[in-house]
Each structure stands twice: as structure tokens, then as C-alpha cells.
Amino acid sequence: MRIPKWLFVAAPVGFAIFIAIGGEIVMHLWNWLAPALFGLRQVTFWQALGLLLLCRILFGGFGLGSSGHRSQSGRRMSERWEQMSPEERERMRQGWRGRFGFCRATPESPESPESSESKGQ
């Protein structure tokens, strides 16, 4: 497939416009909200671009296929979960409880130690 020559000019220009609009939006939102709500200083356009980049790094990644990968792996896990027997699911939950200290109890889960202690009294 042949790439049109005009695309080599249009793509960088479009990218620059996209960045400029994003920086302006962040700057105006920050300068509108942050000083009034939190008593913070206003930011310049370049500081707003820095904030935008920082938030993208910390919270959004760079769009290198991560969102598609997450949904695909989530779909695979859901399919595996549906194919598990109730015993296999309970073993998985027990592993989560041991590693992460969370996972709500389910009707098929064994009794908790607190409920067995109260029955004995």
C-alpha cells in the first residue's frame, strides 16, 4: 500500500494541533478550578502540557495496545472462570484471600472462624 505524500505533512500538523488543544483545555480547567477550590497558583500553557503528560504517564499509559490487551485478557479469564467447577472456583478464591487478603465470602465457601466459634458457645 502506498502512503500519500500529503500525509507526511498533515500528520505532524494534526498532532501539533491536538497537543495544543489538549494543553489549552488542561490550562483553562486548572486555572478555573484549582485556585478557587484549593488555593493553588495558576499554571502556564507549558506547565499544563507537563501536567497532561504526567497524568498520561501515571494514569493512562501511552495507548500502546494496553486497553485492548486488558479487555482480551479479561475476556479470557471470564471464559476460564465459566469453565471451572465450583471446587476449582473456591480454590481460586482461597488463593486470592491468601495472597491479597480480600475476596468476599460466597455461599459455597466454608464457614468463617468467627461463625464456628459463636456456634460452639
PDB file of N, CA and C in Angstrom:
ATOM      1  N   MET A   1       0.834  -1.173   0.000  1.00  0.00           N
ATOM      2  CA  MET A   1       0.000   0.000   0.000  1.00  0.00           C
ATOM      3  C   MET A   1       0.885   1.244   0.000  1.00  0.00           C
ATOM      4  N   ARG A   2       0.531   2.199  -0.793  1.00  0.00           N
ATOM      5  CA  ARG A   2       1.307   3.419  -0.919  1.00  0.00           C
ATOM      6  C   ARG A   2       0.721   4.518  -0.044  1.00  0.00           C
ATOM      7  N   ILE A   3       1.554   5.194   0.737  1.00  0.00           N
ATOM      8  CA  ILE A   3       1.121   6.270   1.625  1.00  0.00           C
ATOM      9  C   ILE A   3       1.173   7.589   0.861  1.00  0.00           C
ATOM     10  N   PRO A   4       0.076   8.364   0.883  1.00  0.00           N
ATOM     11  CA  PRO A   4       0.077   9.651   0.174  1.00  0.00           C
ATOM     12  C   PRO A   4       1.100  10.617   0.782  1.00  0.00           C
ATOM     13  N   LYS A   5       1.725  11.425  -0.070  1.00  0.00           N
ATOM     14  CA  LYS A   5       2.760  12.355   0.385  1.00  0.00           C
ATOM     15  C   LYS A   5       2.202  13.436   1.302  1.00  0.00           C
ATOM     16  N   TRP A   6       0.980  13.860   1.055  1.00  0.00           N
ATOM     17  CA  TRP A   6       0.396  14.902   1.883  1.00  0.00           C
ATOM     18  C   TRP A   6       0.245  14.453   3.338  1.00  0.00           C
ATOM     19  N   LEU A   7       0.168  13.152   3.568  1.00  0.00           N
ATOM     20  CA  LEU A   7       0.023  12.627   4.928  1.00  0.00           C
ATOM     21  C   LEU A   7       1.255  12.919   5.781  1.00  0.00           C
ATOM     22  N   PHE A   8       2.428  13.009   5.152  1.00  0.00           N
ATOM     23  CA  PHE A   8       3.654  13.312   5.891  1.00  0.00           C
ATOM     24  C   PHE A   8       3.659  14.743   6.419  1.00  0.00           C
ATOM     25  N   VAL A   9       2.868  15.605   5.825  1.00  0.00           N
ATOM     26  CA  VAL A   9       2.740  16.987   6.304  1.00  0.00           C
ATOM     27  C   VAL A   9       1.538  17.097   7.240  1.00  0.00           C
ATOM     28  N   ALA A  10       0.439  16.479   6.872  1.00  0.00           N
ATOM     29  CA  ALA A  10      -0.797  16.598   7.631  1.00  0.00           C
ATOM     30  C   ALA A  10      -0.701  15.931   9.005  1.00  0.00           C
ATOM     31  N   ALA A  11      -0.031  14.804   9.106  1.00  0.00           N
ATOM     32  CA  ALA A  11       0.040  14.083  10.383  1.00  0.00           C
ATOM     33  C   ALA A  11       0.752  14.896  11.465  1.00  0.00           C
ATOM     34  N   PRO A  12       1.941  15.444  11.220  1.00  0.00           N
ATOM     35  CA  PRO A  12       2.582  16.254  12.265  1.00  0.00           C
ATOM     36  C   PRO A  12       1.795  17.522  12.615  1.00  0.00           C
ATOM     37  N   VAL A  13       1.179  18.133  11.616  1.00  0.00           N
ATOM     38  CA  VAL A  13       0.373  19.335  11.875  1.00  0.00           C
ATOM     39  C   VAL A  13      -0.843  18.968  12.731  1.00  0.00           C
ATOM     40  N   GLY A  14      -1.504  17.884  12.393  1.00  0.00           N
ATOM     41  CA  GLY A  14      -2.654  17.427  13.182  1.00  0.00           C
ATOM     42  C   GLY A  14      -2.257  17.061  14.599  1.00  0.00           C
ATOM     43  N   PHE A  15      -1.109  16.416  14.745  1.00  0.00           N
ATOM     44  CA  PHE A  15      -0.611  16.048  16.073  1.00  0.00           C
ATOM     45  C   PHE A  15      -0.323  17.293  16.909  1.00  0.00           C
ATOM     46  N   ALA A  16       0.295  18.309  16.291  1.00  0.00           N
ATOM     47  CA  ALA A  16       0.603  19.549  16.997  1.00  0.00           C
ATOM     48  C   ALA A  16      -0.679  20.271  17.424  1.00  0.00           C
ATOM     49  N   ILE A  17      -1.672  20.280  16.554  1.00  0.00           N
ATOM     50  CA  ILE A  17      -2.957  20.909  16.899  1.00  0.00           C
ATOM     51  C   ILE A  17      -3.620  20.161  18.047  1.00  0.00           C
ATOM     52  N   PHE A  18      -3.565  18.851  18.003  1.00  0.00           N
ATOM     53  CA  PHE A  18      -4.146  18.024  19.068  1.00  0.00           C
ATOM     54  C   PHE A  18      -3.475  18.318  20.407  1.00  0.00           C
ATOM     55  N   ILE A  19      -2.158  18.426  20.427  1.00  0.00           N
ATOM     56  CA  ILE A  19      -1.427  18.723  21.657  1.00  0.00           C
ATOM     57  C   ILE A  19      -1.755  20.128  22.146  1.00  0.00           C
ATOM     58  N   ALA A  20      -1.823  21.086  21.235  1.00  0.00           N
ATOM     59  CA  ALA A  20      -2.126  22.464  21.618  1.00  0.00           C
ATOM     60  C   ALA A  20      -3.517  22.574  22.231  1.00  0.00           C
ATOM     61  N   ILE A  21      -4.476  21.907  21.637  1.00  0.00           N
ATOM     62  CA  ILE A  21      -5.840  21.937  22.185  1.00  0.00           C
ATOM     63  C   ILE A  21      -5.877  21.271  23.554  1.00  0.00           C
ATOM     64  N   GLY A  22      -5.208  20.122  23.695  1.00  0.00           N
ATOM     65  CA  GLY A  22      -5.168  19.446  24.996  1.00  0.00           C
ATOM     66  C   GLY A  22      -4.516  20.302  26.062  1.00  0.00           C
ATOM     67  N   GLY A  23      -3.413  20.960  25.726  1.00  0.00           N
ATOM     68  CA  GLY A  23      -2.750  21.840  26.685  1.00  0.00           C
ATOM     69  C   GLY A  23      -3.615  23.009  27.089  1.00  0.00           C
ATOM     70  N   GLU A  24      -4.295  23.601  26.125  1.00  0.00           N
ATOM     71  CA  GLU A  24      -5.187  24.725  26.423  1.00  0.00           C
ATOM     72  C   GLU A  24      -6.335  24.284  27.331  1.00  0.00           C
ATOM     73  N   ILE A  25      -6.913  23.133  27.049  1.00  0.00           N
ATOM     74  CA  ILE A  25      -8.025  22.637  27.874  1.00  0.00           C
ATOM     75  C   ILE A  25      -7.558  22.409  29.305  1.00  0.00           C
ATOM     76  N   VAL A  26      -6.423  21.733  29.476  1.00  0.00           N
ATOM     77  CA  VAL A  26      -5.907  21.480  30.825  1.00  0.00           C
ATOM     78  C   VAL A  26      -5.598  22.797  31.530  1.00  0.00           C
ATOM     79  N   MET A  27      -4.979  23.742  30.835  1.00  0.00           N
ATOM     80  CA  MET A  27      -4.628  25.022  31.444  1.00  0.00           C
ATOM     81  C   MET A  27      -5.882  25.762  31.901  1.00  0.00           C
ATOM     82  N   HIS A  28      -6.892  25.843  31.057  1.00  0.00           N
ATOM     83  CA  HIS A  28      -8.104  26.579  31.423  1.00  0.00           C
ATOM     84  C   HIS A  28      -8.859  25.884  32.553  1.00  0.00           C
ATOM     85  N   LEU A  29      -8.946  24.569  32.503  1.00  0.00           N
ATOM     86  CA  LEU A  29      -9.618  23.850  33.594  1.00  0.00           C
ATOM     87  C   LEU A  29      -8.879  24.030  34.912  1.00  0.00           C
ATOM     88  N   TRP A  30      -7.565  23.898  34.878  1.00  0.00           N
ATOM     89  CA  TRP A  30      -6.763  24.069  36.095  1.00  0.00           C
ATOM     90  C   TRP A  30      -6.940  25.481  36.648  1.00  0.00           C
ATOM     91  N   ASN A  31      -6.773  26.483  35.784  1.00  0.00           N
ATOM     92  CA  ASN A  31      -6.844  27.866  36.227  1.00  0.00           C
ATOM     93  C   ASN A  31      -8.251  28.269  36.671  1.00  0.00           C
ATOM     94  N   TRP A  32      -9.240  27.543  36.210  1.00  0.00           N
ATOM     95  CA  TRP A  32     -10.612  27.815  36.624  1.00  0.00           C
ATOM     96  C   TRP A  32     -10.911  27.154  37.967  1.00  0.00           C
ATOM     97  N   LEU A  33     -10.444  25.911  38.175  1.00  0.00           N
ATOM     98  CA  LEU A  33     -10.830  25.134  39.350  1.00  0.00           C
ATOM     99  C   LEU A  33      -9.817  25.148  40.493  1.00  0.00           C
ATOM    100  N   ALA A  34      -8.569  24.883  40.205  1.00  0.00           N
ATOM    101  CA  ALA A  34      -7.577  24.669  41.271  1.00  0.00           C
ATOM    102  C   ALA A  34      -7.384  25.882  42.178  1.00  0.00           C
ATOM    103  N   PRO A  35      -7.251  27.097  41.666  1.00  0.00           N
ATOM    104  CA  PRO A  35      -7.083  28.227  42.575  1.00  0.00           C
ATOM    105  C   PRO A  35      -8.315  28.469  43.455  1.00  0.00           C
ATOM    106  N   ALA A  36      -9.492  28.333  42.883  1.00  0.00           N
ATOM    107  CA  ALA A  36     -10.714  28.582  43.650  1.00  0.00           C
ATOM    108  C   ALA A  36     -10.981  27.491  44.682  1.00  0.00           C
ATOM    109  N   LEU A  37     -10.734  26.241  44.319  1.00  0.00           N
ATOM    110  CA  LEU A  37     -11.039  25.134  45.228  1.00  0.00           C
ATOM    111  C   LEU A  37      -9.944  24.872  46.258  1.00  0.00           C
ATOM    112  N   PHE A  38      -8.692  24.931  45.828  1.00  0.00           N
ATOM    113  CA  PHE A  38      -7.589  24.504  46.686  1.00  0.00           C
ATOM    114  C   PHE A  38      -6.587  25.601  47.005  1.00  0.00           C
ATOM    115  N   GLY A  39      -6.786  26.787  46.472  1.00  0.00           N
ATOM    116  CA  GLY A  39      -5.856  27.881  46.730  1.00  0.00           C
ATOM    117  C   GLY A  39      -4.518  27.718  46.030  1.00  0.00           C
ATOM    118  N   LEU A  40      -4.476  26.971  44.939  1.00  0.00           N
ATOM    119  CA  LEU A  40      -3.233  26.752  44.211  1.00  0.00           C
ATOM    120  C   LEU A  40      -3.015  27.877  43.195  1.00  0.00           C
ATOM    121  N   ARG A  41      -1.784  27.985  42.707  1.00  0.00           N
ATOM    122  CA  ARG A  41      -1.456  29.004  41.715  1.00  0.00           C
ATOM    123  C   ARG A  41      -1.969  28.601  40.338  1.00  0.00           C
ATOM    124  N   GLN A  42      -2.103  29.589  39.476  1.00  0.00           N
ATOM    125  CA  GLN A  42      -2.451  29.309  38.089  1.00  0.00           C
ATOM    126  C   GLN A  42      -1.225  28.756  37.375  1.00  0.00           C
ATOM    127  N   VAL A  43      -1.456  28.033  36.278  1.00  0.00           N
ATOM    128  CA  VAL A  43      -0.358  27.442  35.522  1.00  0.00           C
ATOM    129  C   VAL A  43      -0.285  28.061  34.133  1.00  0.00           C
ATOM    130  N   THR A  44       0.893  27.974  33.533  1.00  0.00           N
ATOM    131  CA  THR A  44       1.080  28.429  32.162  1.00  0.00           C
ATOM    132  C   THR A  44       0.728  27.291  31.208  1.00  0.00           C
ATOM    133  N   PHE A  45       0.734  27.600  29.931  1.00  0.00           N
ATOM    134  CA  PHE A  45       0.453  26.587  28.915  1.00  0.00           C
ATOM    135  C   PHE A  45       1.446  25.432  28.999  1.00  0.00           C
ATOM    136  N   TRP A  46       2.724  25.744  29.171  1.00  0.00           N
ATOM    137  CA  TRP A  46       3.751  24.701  29.199  1.00  0.00           C
ATOM    138  C   TRP A  46       3.647  23.852  30.460  1.00  0.00           C
ATOM    139  N   GLN A  47       3.273  24.480  31.575  1.00  0.00           N
ATOM    140  CA  GLN A  47       3.053  23.694  32.790  1.00  0.00           C
ATOM    141  C   GLN A  47       1.835  22.786  32.622  1.00  0.00           C
ATOM    142  N   ALA A  48       0.819  23.287  31.934  1.00  0.00           N
ATOM    143  CA  ALA A  48      -0.367  22.464  31.674  1.00  0.00           C
ATOM    144  C   ALA A  48      -0.013  21.267  30.800  1.00  0.00           C
ATOM    145  N   LEU A  49       0.846  21.483  29.797  1.00  0.00           N
ATOM    146  CA  LEU A  49       1.291  20.350  28.977  1.00  0.00           C
ATOM    147  C   LEU A  49       2.058  19.344  29.824  1.00  0.00           C
ATOM    148  N   GLY A  50       2.875  19.827  30.743  1.00  0.00           N
ATOM    149  CA  GLY A  50       3.594  18.938  31.649  1.00  0.00           C
ATOM    150  C   GLY A  50       2.643  18.141  32.521  1.00  0.00           C
ATOM    151  N   LEU A  51       1.597  18.796  33.038  1.00  0.00           N
ATOM    152  CA  LEU A  51       0.592  18.089  33.835  1.00  0.00           C
ATOM    153  C   LEU A  51      -0.120  17.029  33.001  1.00  0.00           C
ATOM    154  N   LEU A  52      -0.451  17.409  31.781  1.00  0.00           N
ATOM    155  CA  LEU A  52      -1.124  16.467  30.888  1.00  0.00           C
ATOM    156  C   LEU A  52      -0.255  15.240  30.636  1.00  0.00           C
ATOM    157  N   LEU A  53       1.009  15.455  30.385  1.00  0.00           N
ATOM    158  CA  LEU A  53       1.939  14.353  30.156  1.00  0.00           C
ATOM    159  C   LEU A  53       2.112  13.504  31.417  1.00  0.00           C
ATOM    160  N   LEU A  54       2.235  14.161  32.557  1.00  0.00           N
ATOM    161  CA  LEU A  54       2.388  13.434  33.817  1.00  0.00           C
ATOM    162  C   LEU A  54       1.168  12.563  34.104  1.00  0.00           C
ATOM    163  N   CYS A  55      -0.015  13.108  33.916  1.00  0.00           N
ATOM    164  CA  CYS A  55      -1.232  12.320  34.143  1.00  0.00           C
ATOM    165  C   CYS A  55      -1.340  11.166  33.163  1.00  0.00           C
ATOM    166  N   ARG A  56      -0.920  11.411  31.942  1.00  0.00           N
ATOM    167  CA  ARG A  56      -0.952  10.347  30.935  1.00  0.00           C
ATOM    168  C   ARG A  56      -0.004   9.211  31.323  1.00  0.00           C
ATOM    169  N   ILE A  57       1.162   9.568  31.823  1.00  0.00           N
ATOM    170  CA  ILE A  57       2.127   8.552  32.246  1.00  0.00           C
ATOM    171  C   ILE A  57       1.600   7.792  33.452  1.00  0.00           C
ATOM    172  N   LEU A  58       1.102   8.514  34.455  1.00  0.00           N
ATOM    173  CA  LEU A  58       0.684   7.871  35.695  1.00  0.00           C
ATOM    174  C   LEU A  58      -0.611   7.082  35.560  1.00  0.00           C
ATOM    175  N   PHE A  59      -1.557   7.604  34.809  1.00  0.00           N
ATOM    176  CA  PHE A  59      -2.888   7.006  34.810  1.00  0.00           C
ATOM    177  C   PHE A  59      -3.336   6.411  33.486  1.00  0.00           C
ATOM    178  N   GLY A  60      -2.736   6.828  32.381  1.00  0.00           N
ATOM    179  CA  GLY A  60      -3.296   6.413  31.109  1.00  0.00           C
ATOM    180  C   GLY A  60      -2.415   5.575  30.233  1.00  0.00           C
ATOM    181  N   GLY A  61      -1.133   5.463  30.541  1.00  0.00           N
ATOM    182  CA  GLY A  61      -0.256   4.761  29.629  1.00  0.00           C
ATOM    183  C   GLY A  61      -0.069   5.573  28.360  1.00  0.00           C
ATOM    184  N   PHE A  62       0.400   4.943  27.325  1.00  0.00           N
ATOM    185  CA  PHE A  62       0.625   5.643  26.073  1.00  0.00           C
ATOM    186  C   PHE A  62      -0.186   5.059  24.935  1.00  0.00           C
ATOM    187  N   GLY A  63      -1.203   4.261  25.237  1.00  0.00           N
ATOM    188  CA  GLY A  63      -2.056   3.730  24.194  1.00  0.00           C
ATOM    189  C   GLY A  63      -1.363   2.732  23.288  1.00  0.00           C
ATOM    190  N   LEU A  64      -0.433   1.981  23.822  1.00  0.00           N
ATOM    191  CA  LEU A  64       0.289   1.008  23.010  1.00  0.00           C
ATOM    192  C   LEU A  64      -0.406  -0.347  23.053  1.00  0.00           C
ATOM    193  N   GLY A  65      -1.708  -0.335  22.905  1.00  0.00           N
ATOM    194  CA  GLY A  65      -2.455  -1.576  22.884  1.00  0.00           C
ATOM    195  C   GLY A  65      -2.802  -2.106  24.264  1.00  0.00           C
ATOM    196  N   SER A  66      -2.570  -1.331  25.306  1.00  0.00           N
ATOM    197  CA  SER A  66      -2.816  -1.842  26.648  1.00  0.00           C
ATOM    198  C   SER A  66      -4.299  -2.045  26.921  1.00  0.00           C
ATOM    199  N   SER A  67      -5.150  -1.142  26.450  1.00  0.00           N
ATOM    200  CA  SER A  67      -6.572  -1.294  26.729  1.00  0.00           C
ATOM    201  C   SER A  67      -7.141  -2.511  26.013  1.00  0.00           C
ATOM    202  N   GLY A  68      -6.724  -2.754  24.773  1.00  0.00           N
ATOM    203  CA  GLY A  68      -7.171  -3.937  24.059  1.00  0.00           C
ATOM    204  C   GLY A  68      -6.667  -5.201  24.721  1.00  0.00           C
ATOM    205  N   HIS A  69      -5.439  -5.150  25.220  1.00  0.00           N
ATOM    206  CA  HIS A  69      -4.863  -6.310  25.895  1.00  0.00           C
ATOM    207  C   HIS A  69      -5.631  -6.625  27.166  1.00  0.00           C
ATOM    208  N   ARG A  70      -5.985  -5.576  27.929  1.00  0.00           N
ATOM    209  CA  ARG A  70      -6.723  -5.801  29.167  1.00  0.00           C
ATOM    210  C   ARG A  70      -8.076  -6.426  28.888  1.00  0.00           C
ATOM    211  N   SER A  71      -8.791  -5.902  27.921  1.00  0.00           N
ATOM    212  CA  SER A  71     -10.112  -6.448  27.645  1.00  0.00           C
ATOM    213  C   SER A  71     -10.006  -7.875  27.124  1.00  0.00           C
ATOM    214  N   GLN A  72      -8.976  -8.153  26.351  1.00  0.00           N
ATOM    215  CA  GLN A  72      -8.799  -9.507  25.831  1.00  0.00           C
ATOM    216  C   GLN A  72      -8.450 -10.469  26.964  1.00  0.00           C
ATOM    217  N   SER A  73      -7.568 -10.067  27.872  1.00  0.00           N
ATOM    218  CA  SER A  73      -7.215 -10.952  28.975  1.00  0.00           C
ATOM    219  C   SER A  73      -8.395 -11.109  29.931  1.00  0.00           C
ATOM    220  N   GLY A  74      -9.167 -10.044  30.121  1.00  0.00           N
ATOM    221  CA  GLY A  74     -10.367 -10.146  30.952  1.00  0.00           C
ATOM    222  C   GLY A  74     -11.377 -11.107  30.368  1.00  0.00           C
ATOM    223  N   ARG A  75     -11.509 -11.073  29.057  1.00  0.00           N
ATOM    224  CA  ARG A  75     -12.419 -11.986  28.380  1.00  0.00           C
ATOM    225  C   ARG A  75     -11.961 -13.426  28.547  1.00  0.00           C
ATOM    226  N   ARG A  76     -10.637 -13.636  28.403  1.00  0.00           N
ATOM    227  CA  ARG A  76     -10.103 -14.998  28.571  1.00  0.00           C
ATOM    228  C   ARG A  76     -10.337 -15.499  29.989  1.00  0.00           C
ATOM    229  N   MET A  77     -10.112 -14.630  30.983  1.00  0.00           N
ATOM    230  CA  MET A  77     -10.309 -15.040  32.379  1.00  0.00           C
ATOM    231  C   MET A  77     -11.777 -15.358  32.632  1.00  0.00           C
ATOM    232  N   SER A  78     -12.668 -14.567  32.065  1.00  0.00           N
ATOM    233  CA  SER A  78     -14.094 -14.823  32.222  1.00  0.00           C
ATOM    234  C   SER A  78     -14.473 -16.178  31.626  1.00  0.00           C
ATOM    235  N   GLU A  79     -13.931 -16.491  30.466  1.00  0.00           N
ATOM    236  CA  GLU A  79     -14.200 -17.788  29.839  1.00  0.00           C
ATOM    237  C   GLU A  79     -13.664 -18.926  30.699  1.00  0.00           C
ATOM    238  N   ARG A  80     -12.453 -18.759  31.226  1.00  0.00           N
ATOM    239  CA  ARG A  80     -11.879 -19.800  32.087  1.00  0.00           C
ATOM    240  C   ARG A  80     -12.718 -19.982  33.349  1.00  0.00           C
ATOM    241  N   TRP A  81     -13.182 -18.864  33.926  1.00  0.00           N
ATOM    242  CA  TRP A  81     -13.981 -18.910  35.147  1.00  0.00           C
ATOM    243  C   TRP A  81     -15.271 -19.694  34.898  1.00  0.00           C
ATOM    244  N   GLU A  82     -15.911 -19.461  33.765  1.00  0.00           N
ATOM    245  CA  GLU A  82     -17.151 -20.156  33.441  1.00  0.00           C
ATOM    246  C   GLU A  82     -16.935 -21.656  33.268  1.00  0.00           C
ATOM    247  N   GLN A  83     -15.761 -22.065  32.843  1.00  0.00           N
ATOM    248  CA  GLN A  83     -15.481 -23.480  32.619  1.00  0.00           C
ATOM    249  C   GLN A  83     -15.045 -24.207  33.891  1.00  0.00           C
ATOM    250  N   MET A  84     -14.768 -23.456  34.965  1.00  0.00           N
ATOM    251  CA  MET A  84     -14.311 -24.081  36.214  1.00  0.00           C
ATOM    252  C   MET A  84     -15.483 -24.711  36.962  1.00  0.00           C
ATOM    253  N   SER A  85     -15.176 -25.770  37.693  1.00  0.00           N
ATOM    254  CA  SER A  85     -16.166 -26.371  38.578  1.00  0.00           C
ATOM    255  C   SER A  85     -16.261 -25.511  39.840  1.00  0.00           C
ATOM    256  N   PRO A  86     -17.310 -25.670  40.644  1.00  0.00           N
ATOM    257  CA  PRO A  86     -17.415 -24.902  41.896  1.00  0.00           C
ATOM    258  C   PRO A  86     -16.214 -25.125  42.822  1.00  0.00           C
ATOM    259  N   GLU A  87     -15.660 -26.320  42.826  1.00  0.00           N
ATOM    260  CA  GLU A  87     -14.495 -26.596  43.681  1.00  0.00           C
ATOM    261  C   GLU A  87     -13.271 -25.817  43.192  1.00  0.00           C
ATOM    262  N   GLU A  88     -13.082 -25.786  41.879  1.00  0.00           N
ATOM    263  CA  GLU A  88     -11.949 -25.032  41.318  1.00  0.00           C
ATOM    264  C   GLU A  88     -12.103 -23.539  41.600  1.00  0.00           C
ATOM    265  N   ARG A  89     -13.334 -23.038  41.493  1.00  0.00           N
ATOM    266  CA  ARG A  89     -13.569 -21.622  41.791  1.00  0.00           C
ATOM    267  C   ARG A  89     -13.239 -21.314  43.251  1.00  0.00           C
ATOM    268  N   GLU A  90     -13.636 -22.205  44.143  1.00  0.00           N
ATOM    269  CA  GLU A  90     -13.360 -21.973  45.565  1.00  0.00           C
ATOM    270  C   GLU A  90     -11.861 -22.007  45.848  1.00  0.00           C
ATOM    271  N   ARG A  91     -11.138 -22.926  45.208  1.00  0.00           N
ATOM    272  CA  ARG A  91      -9.680 -22.949  45.365  1.00  0.00           C
ATOM    273  C   ARG A  91      -9.063 -21.641  44.885  1.00  0.00           C
ATOM    274  N   MET A  92      -9.580 -21.117  43.789  1.00  0.00           N
ATOM    275  CA  MET A  92      -9.089 -19.835  43.263  1.00  0.00           C
ATOM    276  C   MET A  92      -9.360 -18.715  44.272  1.00  0.00           C
ATOM    277  N   ARG A  93     -10.560 -18.680  44.830  1.00  0.00           N
ATOM    278  CA  ARG A  93     -10.896 -17.648  45.828  1.00  0.00           C
ATOM    279  C   ARG A  93      -9.996 -17.760  47.058  1.00  0.00           C
ATOM    280  N   GLN A  94      -9.750 -18.989  47.491  1.00  0.00           N
ATOM    281  CA  GLN A  94      -8.872 -19.183  48.652  1.00  0.00           C
ATOM    282  C   GLN A  94      -7.474 -18.652  48.355  1.00  0.00           C
ATOM    283  N   GLY A  95      -6.981 -18.892  47.156  1.00  0.00           N
ATOM    284  CA  GLY A  95      -5.675 -18.360  46.763  1.00  0.00           C
ATOM    285  C   GLY A  95      -5.659 -16.841  46.779  1.00  0.00           C
ATOM    286  N   TRP A  96      -6.747 -16.211  46.303  1.00  0.00           N
ATOM    287  CA  TRP A  96      -6.834 -14.750  46.316  1.00  0.00           C
ATOM    288  C   TRP A  96      -6.841 -14.230  47.745  1.00  0.00           C
ATOM    289  N   ARG A  97      -7.603 -14.907  48.610  1.00  0.00           N
ATOM    290  CA  ARG A  97      -7.654 -14.481  50.019  1.00  0.00           C
ATOM    291  C   ARG A  97      -6.273 -14.552  50.654  1.00  0.00           C
ATOM    292  N   GLY A  98      -5.543 -15.631  50.362  1.00  0.00           N
ATOM    293  CA  GLY A  98      -4.222 -15.801  50.944  1.00  0.00           C
ATOM    294  C   GLY A  98      -3.218 -14.782  50.435  1.00  0.00           C
ATOM    295  N   ARG A  99      -3.284 -14.472  49.160  1.00  0.00           N
ATOM    296  CA  ARG A  99      -2.318 -13.542  48.564  1.00  0.00           C
ATOM    297  C   ARG A  99      -2.665 -12.089  48.802  1.00  0.00           C
ATOM    298  N   PHE A 100      -3.935 -11.749  48.632  1.00  0.00           N
ATOM    299  CA  PHE A 100      -4.310 -10.344  48.627  1.00  0.00           C
ATOM    300  C   PHE A 100      -5.127  -9.931  49.845  1.00  0.00           C
ATOM    301  N   GLY A 101      -5.627 -10.864  50.612  1.00  0.00           N
ATOM    302  CA  GLY A 101      -6.393 -10.536  51.814  1.00  0.00           C
ATOM    303  C   GLY A 101      -7.781 -10.004  51.517  1.00  0.00           C
ATOM    304  N   PHE A 102      -8.326 -10.337  50.376  1.00  0.00           N
ATOM    305  CA  PHE A 102      -9.691  -9.927  50.069  1.00  0.00           C
ATOM    306  C   PHE A 102     -10.352 -10.981  49.222  1.00  0.00           C
ATOM    307  N   CYS A 103     -11.584 -10.871  49.043  1.00  0.00           N
ATOM    308  CA  CYS A 103     -12.462 -11.687  48.225  1.00  0.00           C
ATOM    309  C   CYS A 103     -13.649 -12.032  49.108  1.00  0.00           C
ATOM    310  N   ARG A 104     -14.785 -11.555  48.743  1.00  0.00           N
ATOM    311  CA  ARG A 104     -15.961 -11.747  49.590  1.00  0.00           C
ATOM    312  C   ARG A 104     -16.317 -13.225  49.682  1.00  0.00           C
ATOM    313  N   ALA A 105     -16.876 -13.586  50.803  1.00  0.00           N
ATOM    314  CA  ALA A 105     -17.287 -14.967  51.008  1.00  0.00           C
ATOM    315  C   ALA A 105     -18.500 -15.257  50.135  1.00  0.00           C
ATOM    316  N   THR A 106     -18.635 -16.497  49.716  1.00  0.00           N
ATOM    317  CA  THR A 106     -19.752 -16.900  48.878  1.00  0.00           C
ATOM    318  C   THR A 106     -20.491 -18.025  49.575  1.00  0.00           C
ATOM    319  N   PRO A 107     -21.710 -18.312  49.159  1.00  0.00           N
ATOM    320  CA  PRO A 107     -22.471 -19.393  49.787  1.00  0.00           C
ATOM    321  C   PRO A 107     -21.756 -20.733  49.724  1.00  0.00           C
ATOM    322  N   GLU A 108     -20.949 -20.951  48.688  1.00  0.00           N
ATOM    323  CA  GLU A 108     -20.257 -22.223  48.575  1.00  0.00           C
ATOM    324  C   GLU A 108     -18.943 -22.233  49.346  1.00  0.00           C
ATOM    325  N   SER A 109     -18.596 -21.105  49.991  1.00  0.00           N
ATOM    326  CA  SER A 109     -17.363 -21.022  50.765  1.00  0.00           C
ATOM    327  C   SER A 109     -17.545 -21.711  52.105  1.00  0.00           C
ATOM    328  N   PRO A 110     -16.460 -22.232  52.679  1.00  0.00           N
ATOM    329  CA  PRO A 110     -16.573 -22.801  54.019  1.00  0.00           C
ATOM    330  C   PRO A 110     -16.828 -21.701  55.033  1.00  0.00           C
ATOM    331  N   GLU A 111     -17.326 -22.105  56.209  1.00  0.00           N
ATOM    332  CA  GLU A 111     -17.647 -21.129  57.247  1.00  0.00           C
ATOM    333  C   GLU A 111     -16.403 -20.398  57.709  1.00  0.00           C
ATOM    334  N   SER A 112     -16.619 -19.158  58.142  1.00  0.00           N
ATOM    335  CA  SER A 112     -15.506 -18.376  58.673  1.00  0.00           C
ATOM    336  C   SER A 112     -15.252 -18.808  60.110  1.00  0.00           C
ATOM    337  N   PRO A 113     -14.034 -18.597  60.649  1.00  0.00           N
ATOM    338  CA  PRO A 113     -13.716 -18.993  62.015  1.00  0.00           C
ATOM    339  C   PRO A 113     -14.598 -18.315  63.044  1.00  0.00           C
ATOM    340  N   GLU A 114     -15.032 -17.073  62.809  1.00  0.00           N
ATOM    341  CA  GLU A 114     -15.860 -16.356  63.771  1.00  0.00           C
ATOM    342  C   GLU A 114     -17.219 -17.047  63.946  1.00  0.00           C
ATOM    343  N   SER A 115     -17.807 -17.502  62.817  1.00  0.00           N
ATOM    344  CA  SER A 115     -19.132 -18.110  62.921  1.00  0.00           C
ATOM    345  C   SER A 115     -19.056 -19.469  63.602  1.00  0.00           C
ATOM    346  N   SER A 116     -17.968 -20.212  63.429  1.00  0.00           N
ATOM    347  CA  SER A 116     -17.851 -21.522  64.087  1.00  0.00           C
ATOM    348  C   SER A 116     -17.601 -21.346  65.573  1.00  0.00           C
ATOM    349  N   GLU A 117     -16.902 -20.265  65.980  1.00  0.00           N
ATOM    350  CA  GLU A 117     -16.655 -20.021  67.400  1.00  0.00           C
ATOM    351  C   GLU A 117     -17.955 -19.657  68.098  1.00  0.00           C
ATOM    352  N   SER A 118     -18.810 -18.865  67.455  1.00  0.00           N
ATOM    353  CA  SER A 118     -20.061 -18.455  68.083  1.00  0.00           C
ATOM    354  C   SER A 118     -21.021 -19.625  68.205  1.00  0.00           C
ATOM    355  N   LYS A 119     -20.954 -20.610  67.316  1.00  0.00           N
ATOM    356  CA  LYS A 119     -21.822 -21.789  67.396  1.00  0.00           C
ATOM    357  C   LYS A 119     -21.409 -22.677  68.566  1.00  0.00           C
ATOM    358  N   GLY A 120     -20.132 -22.708  68.885  1.00  0.00           N
ATOM    359  CA  GLY A 120     -19.641 -23.578  69.951  1.00  0.00           C
ATOM    360  C   GLY A 120     -20.002 -23.063  71.331  1.00  0.00           C
ATOM    361  N   GLN A 121     -20.410 -21.819  71.458  1.00  0.00           N
ATOM    362  CA  GLN A 121     -20.721 -21.246  72.792  1.00  0.00           C
ATOM    363  C   GLN A 121     -22.173 -21.318  73.100  1.00  0.00           C
TER     364      GLN A 121
END
